[in-house]
């Protein structure tokens, strides 16, 4: 992708985000290595705060233009969602969750993920990039159809109710 294509893609994503009430500020994003932010998300998951931490990290990165590769920033964000800052600092100084995150990176590579956002449905279908809701609905419907074991074409089988099951008489 050329620089101009990337800029136009970012502007398009900003417009799409605005339509659903989100604010993205790509012009001021602080590009960084997010490995420790991913480790923090794993830590938060163990504390029952994965959703809150993930949402806070997204807002910090895409809207607030915070440096989410910086440990002090990560500690502050973790405290904002109710995590213990000292525990987070200790975790960030070590290598906890590094293997989990590396494993997720390997799995993403195996699945063909080349960028974000990237959604995998039932490990069979993928939606790459910001797409209209119709694309997600189509992917979800296809995956749902394939999970159904069979389609009943007639309704001539047994009839069951609270008293038991019986095969209906052809005259019924």
C-alpha atoms as a PDB file:
ATOM      1  CA  UNK A   1       0.000   0.000   0.000  1.00  0.00           C
ATOM      2  CA  UNK A   2       1.337   3.423  -0.879  1.00  0.00           C
ATOM      3  CA  UNK A   3       1.474   6.241   1.635  1.00  0.00           C
ATOM      4  CA  UNK A   4      -1.467   7.975  -0.058  1.00  0.00           C
ATOM      5  CA  UNK A   5      -3.498   4.755  -0.023  1.00  0.00           C
ATOM      6  CA  UNK A   6      -2.734   4.298   3.686  1.00  0.00           C
ATOM      7  CA  UNK A   7      -3.807   7.862   4.436  1.00  0.00           C
ATOM      8  CA  UNK A   8      -7.052   7.416   2.498  1.00  0.00           C
ATOM      9  CA  UNK A   9      -7.687   4.077   4.223  1.00  0.00           C
ATOM     10  CA  UNK A  10      -7.209   5.703   7.630  1.00  0.00           C
ATOM     11  CA  UNK A  11      -9.568   8.554   6.714  1.00  0.00           C
ATOM     12  CA  UNK A  12     -12.161   6.029   5.565  1.00  0.00           C
ATOM     13  CA  UNK A  13     -11.839   4.131   8.828  1.00  0.00           C
ATOM     14  CA  UNK A  14     -12.217   7.396  10.782  1.00  0.00           C
ATOM     15  CA  UNK A  15     -15.437   8.135   8.857  1.00  0.00           C
ATOM     16  CA  UNK A  16     -16.801   4.648   9.511  1.00  0.00           C
ATOM     17  CA  UNK A  17     -15.939   4.943  13.196  1.00  0.00           C
ATOM     18  CA  UNK A  18     -17.725   8.293  13.434  1.00  0.00           C
ATOM     19  CA  UNK A  19     -20.887   6.735  12.005  1.00  0.00           C
ATOM     20  CA  UNK A  20     -21.079   4.389  15.009  1.00  0.00           C
ATOM     21  CA  UNK A  21     -20.044   6.962  17.603  1.00  0.00           C
ATOM     22  CA  UNK A  22     -16.307   6.231  17.833  1.00  0.00           C
ATOM     23  CA  UNK A  23     -13.513   8.740  17.559  1.00  0.00           C
ATOM     24  CA  UNK A  24     -10.261   7.719  15.873  1.00  0.00           C
ATOM     25  CA  UNK A  25      -7.352  10.146  15.570  1.00  0.00           C
ATOM     26  CA  UNK A  26      -4.936   8.496  13.158  1.00  0.00           C
ATOM     27  CA  UNK A  27      -2.951  11.678  12.573  1.00  0.00           C
ATOM     28  CA  UNK A  28      -1.776  11.743  16.205  1.00  0.00           C
ATOM     29  CA  UNK A  29      -1.421   8.011  16.944  1.00  0.00           C
ATOM     30  CA  UNK A  30       1.830   7.100  18.671  1.00  0.00           C
ATOM     31  CA  UNK A  31       3.191   4.156  16.700  1.00  0.00           C
ATOM     32  CA  UNK A  32       4.766   1.662  19.081  1.00  0.00           C
ATOM     33  CA  UNK A  33       5.414  -1.967  19.867  1.00  0.00           C
ATOM     34  CA  UNK A  34       2.224  -3.248  21.540  1.00  0.00           C
ATOM     35  CA  UNK A  35       3.708  -6.482  22.898  1.00  0.00           C
ATOM     36  CA  UNK A  36       3.569  -5.336  26.543  1.00  0.00           C
ATOM     37  CA  UNK A  37       0.027  -4.042  26.052  1.00  0.00           C
ATOM     38  CA  UNK A  38      -0.920  -7.554  24.926  1.00  0.00           C
ATOM     39  CA  UNK A  39       0.797  -9.000  27.996  1.00  0.00           C
ATOM     40  CA  UNK A  40      -1.162  -6.543  30.145  1.00  0.00           C
ATOM     41  CA  UNK A  41      -4.391  -7.729  28.545  1.00  0.00           C
ATOM     42  CA  UNK A  42      -3.536 -11.309  29.543  1.00  0.00           C
ATOM     43  CA  UNK A  43      -2.792 -10.161  33.081  1.00  0.00           C
ATOM     44  CA  UNK A  44      -6.119  -8.316  33.168  1.00  0.00           C
ATOM     45  CA  UNK A  45      -7.914 -11.456  31.986  1.00  0.00           C
ATOM     46  CA  UNK A  46      -6.676 -13.337  35.038  1.00  0.00           C
ATOM     47  CA  UNK A  47      -8.096 -10.567  37.205  1.00  0.00           C
ATOM     48  CA  UNK A  48     -11.473 -10.597  35.444  1.00  0.00           C
ATOM     49  CA  UNK A  49     -10.817  -7.261  33.707  1.00  0.00           C
ATOM     50  CA  UNK A  50      -9.887  -8.252  30.163  1.00  0.00           C
ATOM     51  CA  UNK A  51     -12.806  -6.481  28.504  1.00  0.00           C
ATOM     52  CA  UNK A  52     -12.279  -3.257  30.456  1.00  0.00           C
ATOM     53  CA  UNK A  53      -8.521  -3.308  29.827  1.00  0.00           C
ATOM     54  CA  UNK A  54      -8.906  -3.983  26.119  1.00  0.00           C
ATOM     55  CA  UNK A  55     -11.441  -1.197  25.714  1.00  0.00           C
ATOM     56  CA  UNK A  56      -9.215   1.224  27.643  1.00  0.00           C
ATOM     57  CA  UNK A  57      -6.180   0.322  25.551  1.00  0.00           C
ATOM     58  CA  UNK A  58      -8.123   0.848  22.320  1.00  0.00           C
ATOM     59  CA  UNK A  59      -9.360   4.258  23.475  1.00  0.00           C
ATOM     60  CA  UNK A  60      -5.883   5.211  24.684  1.00  0.00           C
ATOM     61  CA  UNK A  61      -4.332   4.279  21.343  1.00  0.00           C
ATOM     62  CA  UNK A  62      -6.925   5.278  18.743  1.00  0.00           C
ATOM     63  CA  UNK A  63      -8.608   8.250  20.442  1.00  0.00           C
ATOM     64  CA  UNK A  64      -6.283   9.636  23.127  1.00  0.00           C
ATOM     65  CA  UNK A  65      -3.019   9.068  21.200  1.00  0.00           C
ATOM     66  CA  UNK A  66      -1.263   7.634  24.261  1.00  0.00           C
ATOM     67  CA  UNK A  67       2.015   5.719  24.029  1.00  0.00           C
ATOM     68  CA  UNK A  68       0.787   2.218  24.895  1.00  0.00           C
ATOM     69  CA  UNK A  69       4.287   0.773  24.618  1.00  0.00           C
ATOM     70  CA  UNK A  70       5.416   2.816  27.617  1.00  0.00           C
ATOM     71  CA  UNK A  71       5.258   1.001  30.966  1.00  0.00           C
ATOM     72  CA  UNK A  72       4.178   4.057  32.952  1.00  0.00           C
ATOM     73  CA  UNK A  73       1.308   4.651  30.550  1.00  0.00           C
ATOM     74  CA  UNK A  74       0.271   0.989  30.796  1.00  0.00           C
ATOM     75  CA  UNK A  75       0.348   1.123  34.612  1.00  0.00           C
ATOM     76  CA  UNK A  76      -1.813   4.265  34.614  1.00  0.00           C
ATOM     77  CA  UNK A  77      -4.330   2.712  32.215  1.00  0.00           C
ATOM     78  CA  UNK A  78      -4.447  -0.482  34.276  1.00  0.00           C
ATOM     79  CA  UNK A  79      -5.152   1.501  37.433  1.00  0.00           C
ATOM     80  CA  UNK A  80      -7.966   3.319  35.630  1.00  0.00           C
ATOM     81  CA  UNK A  81      -9.761  -0.012  35.128  1.00  0.00           C
ATOM     82  CA  UNK A  82      -9.181  -1.114  38.715  1.00  0.00           C
ATOM     83  CA  UNK A  83      -5.985  -3.161  38.507  1.00  0.00           C
ATOM     84  CA  UNK A  84      -3.219  -2.889  41.090  1.00  0.00           C
ATOM     85  CA  UNK A  85      -0.479  -0.657  39.671  1.00  0.00           C
ATOM     86  CA  UNK A  86       2.310  -2.301  41.666  1.00  0.00           C
ATOM     87  CA  UNK A  87       1.302  -5.750  40.443  1.00  0.00           C
ATOM     88  CA  UNK A  88       1.186  -4.466  36.876  1.00  0.00           C
ATOM     89  CA  UNK A  89       4.631  -2.842  37.217  1.00  0.00           C
ATOM     90  CA  UNK A  90       6.094  -6.109  38.524  1.00  0.00           C
ATOM     91  CA  UNK A  91       4.519  -8.070  35.687  1.00  0.00           C
ATOM     92  CA  UNK A  92       5.802  -5.634  33.061  1.00  0.00           C
ATOM     93  CA  UNK A  93       9.368  -5.823  34.438  1.00  0.00           C
ATOM     94  CA  UNK A  94       9.369  -9.589  33.981  1.00  0.00           C
ATOM     95  CA  UNK A  95       8.374 -11.815  31.109  1.00  0.00           C
ATOM     96  CA  UNK A  96       5.014 -13.087  32.356  1.00  0.00           C
ATOM     97  CA  UNK A  97       2.540 -13.845  29.559  1.00  0.00           C
ATOM     98  CA  UNK A  98       5.245 -13.484  26.903  1.00  0.00           C
ATOM     99  CA  UNK A  99       4.806 -17.089  25.791  1.00  0.00           C
ATOM    100  CA  UNK A 100       1.022 -16.663  25.624  1.00  0.00           C
ATOM    101  CA  UNK A 101       1.327 -13.575  23.432  1.00  0.00           C
ATOM    102  CA  UNK A 102       3.983 -15.216  21.214  1.00  0.00           C
ATOM    103  CA  UNK A 103       1.676 -18.212  20.856  1.00  0.00           C
ATOM    104  CA  UNK A 104      -1.156 -15.943  19.778  1.00  0.00           C
ATOM    105  CA  UNK A 105       1.165 -14.291  17.248  1.00  0.00           C
ATOM    106  CA  UNK A 106       2.091 -17.699  15.827  1.00  0.00           C
ATOM    107  CA  UNK A 107      -1.548 -18.755  15.625  1.00  0.00           C
ATOM    108  CA  UNK A 108      -2.449 -15.495  13.876  1.00  0.00           C
ATOM    109  CA  UNK A 109       0.350 -16.057  11.379  1.00  0.00           C
ATOM    110  CA  UNK A 110      -0.834 -19.631  10.794  1.00  0.00           C
ATOM    111  CA  UNK A 111      -4.362 -18.338  10.121  1.00  0.00           C
ATOM    112  CA  UNK A 112      -3.042 -15.793   7.618  1.00  0.00           C
ATOM    113  CA  UNK A 113      -3.571 -12.655   9.665  1.00  0.00           C
ATOM    114  CA  UNK A 114      -1.595  -9.827   8.114  1.00  0.00           C
ATOM    115  CA  UNK A 115      -3.113  -6.822   9.865  1.00  0.00           C
ATOM    116  CA  UNK A 116      -5.791  -5.580  12.187  1.00  0.00           C
ATOM    117  CA  UNK A 117      -8.645  -5.646  12.526  1.00  0.00           C
ATOM    118  CA  UNK A 118      -8.981  -9.285  11.504  1.00  0.00           C
ATOM    119  CA  UNK A 119     -11.866 -11.475  12.614  1.00  0.00           C
ATOM    120  CA  UNK A 120     -11.868 -15.261  12.505  1.00  0.00           C
ATOM    121  CA  UNK A 121     -15.172 -17.103  12.662  1.00  0.00           C
ATOM    122  CA  UNK A 122     -15.201 -20.790  13.596  1.00  0.00           C
ATOM    123  CA  UNK A 123     -11.566 -21.030  12.451  1.00  0.00           C
ATOM    124  CA  UNK A 124     -12.889 -21.261   8.872  1.00  0.00           C
ATOM    125  CA  UNK A 125     -13.890 -17.780   7.784  1.00  0.00           C
ATOM    126  CA  UNK A 126     -12.107 -14.492   8.101  1.00  0.00           C
ATOM    127  CA  UNK A 127     -13.079 -10.874   7.689  1.00  0.00           C
ATOM    128  CA  UNK A 128     -10.136  -8.554   7.229  1.00  0.00           C
ATOM    129  CA  UNK A 129     -10.223  -4.850   7.858  1.00  0.00           C
ATOM    130  CA  UNK A 130     -13.087  -2.561   8.701  1.00  0.00           C
ATOM    131  CA  UNK A 131     -16.048  -3.912   6.762  1.00  0.00           C
ATOM    132  CA  UNK A 132     -19.726  -3.038   6.561  1.00  0.00           C
ATOM    133  CA  UNK A 133     -22.016  -4.971   8.900  1.00  0.00           C
ATOM    134  CA  UNK A 134     -23.454  -6.864   5.918  1.00  0.00           C
ATOM    135  CA  UNK A 135     -20.081  -8.578   5.366  1.00  0.00           C
ATOM    136  CA  UNK A 136     -20.008  -9.762   8.980  1.00  0.00           C
ATOM    137  CA  UNK A 137     -23.613 -10.923   8.784  1.00  0.00           C
ATOM    138  CA  UNK A 138     -22.877 -12.914   5.622  1.00  0.00           C
ATOM    139  CA  UNK A 139     -19.839 -14.584   7.243  1.00  0.00           C
ATOM    140  CA  UNK A 140     -21.759 -15.368  10.430  1.00  0.00           C
ATOM    141  CA  UNK A 141     -24.718 -16.804   8.508  1.00  0.00           C
ATOM    142  CA  UNK A 142     -22.439 -19.026   6.416  1.00  0.00           C
ATOM    143  CA  UNK A 143     -20.636 -20.307   9.512  1.00  0.00           C
ATOM    144  CA  UNK A 144     -23.984 -20.891  11.274  1.00  0.00           C
ATOM    145  CA  UNK A 145     -25.383 -22.851   8.339  1.00  0.00           C
ATOM    146  CA  UNK A 146     -22.363 -25.127   8.330  1.00  0.00           C
ATOM    147  CA  UNK A 147     -22.681 -25.903  12.035  1.00  0.00           C
ATOM    148  CA  UNK A 148     -26.194 -27.253  11.607  1.00  0.00           C
ATOM    149  CA  UNK A 149     -25.982 -31.060  11.325  1.00  0.00           C
ATOM    150  CA  UNK A 150     -28.878 -31.477   8.902  1.00  0.00           C
ATOM    151  CA  UNK A 151     -31.829 -29.778   7.362  1.00  0.00           C
ATOM    152  CA  UNK A 152     -35.220 -31.433   7.866  1.00  0.00           C
ATOM    153  CA  UNK A 153     -37.105 -31.332   4.557  1.00  0.00           C
ATOM    154  CA  UNK A 154     -40.316 -32.888   5.780  1.00  0.00           C
ATOM    155  CA  UNK A 155     -42.089 -33.090   9.092  1.00  0.00           C
ATOM    156  CA  UNK A 156     -43.362 -36.677   8.977  1.00  0.00           C
ATOM    157  CA  UNK A 157     -41.239 -38.035  11.824  1.00  0.00           C
ATOM    158  CA  UNK A 158     -42.223 -38.836  15.355  1.00  0.00           C
ATOM    159  CA  UNK A 159     -44.234 -36.398  17.422  1.00  0.00           C
ATOM    160  CA  UNK A 160     -43.112 -35.715  20.958  1.00  0.00           C
ATOM    161  CA  UNK A 161     -44.846 -33.962  23.809  1.00  0.00           C
ATOM    162  CA  UNK A 162     -44.790 -34.120  27.620  1.00  0.00           C
ATOM    163  CA  UNK A 163     -46.369 -37.608  27.567  1.00  0.00           C
ATOM    164  CA  UNK A 164     -43.755 -39.153  25.264  1.00  0.00           C
ATOM    165  CA  UNK A 165     -43.099 -39.748  21.576  1.00  0.00           C
ATOM    166  CA  UNK A 166     -45.135 -41.553  18.903  1.00  0.00           C
ATOM    167  CA  UNK A 167     -45.074 -42.000  15.159  1.00  0.00           C
ATOM    168  CA  UNK A 168     -48.138 -40.305  13.731  1.00  0.00           C
ATOM    169  CA  UNK A 169     -50.753 -42.349  11.917  1.00  0.00           C
ATOM    170  CA  UNK A 170     -50.960 -41.436   8.236  1.00  0.00           C
ATOM    171  CA  UNK A 171     -54.598 -40.480   8.788  1.00  0.00           C
ATOM    172  CA  UNK A 172     -53.705 -37.799  11.396  1.00  0.00           C
END
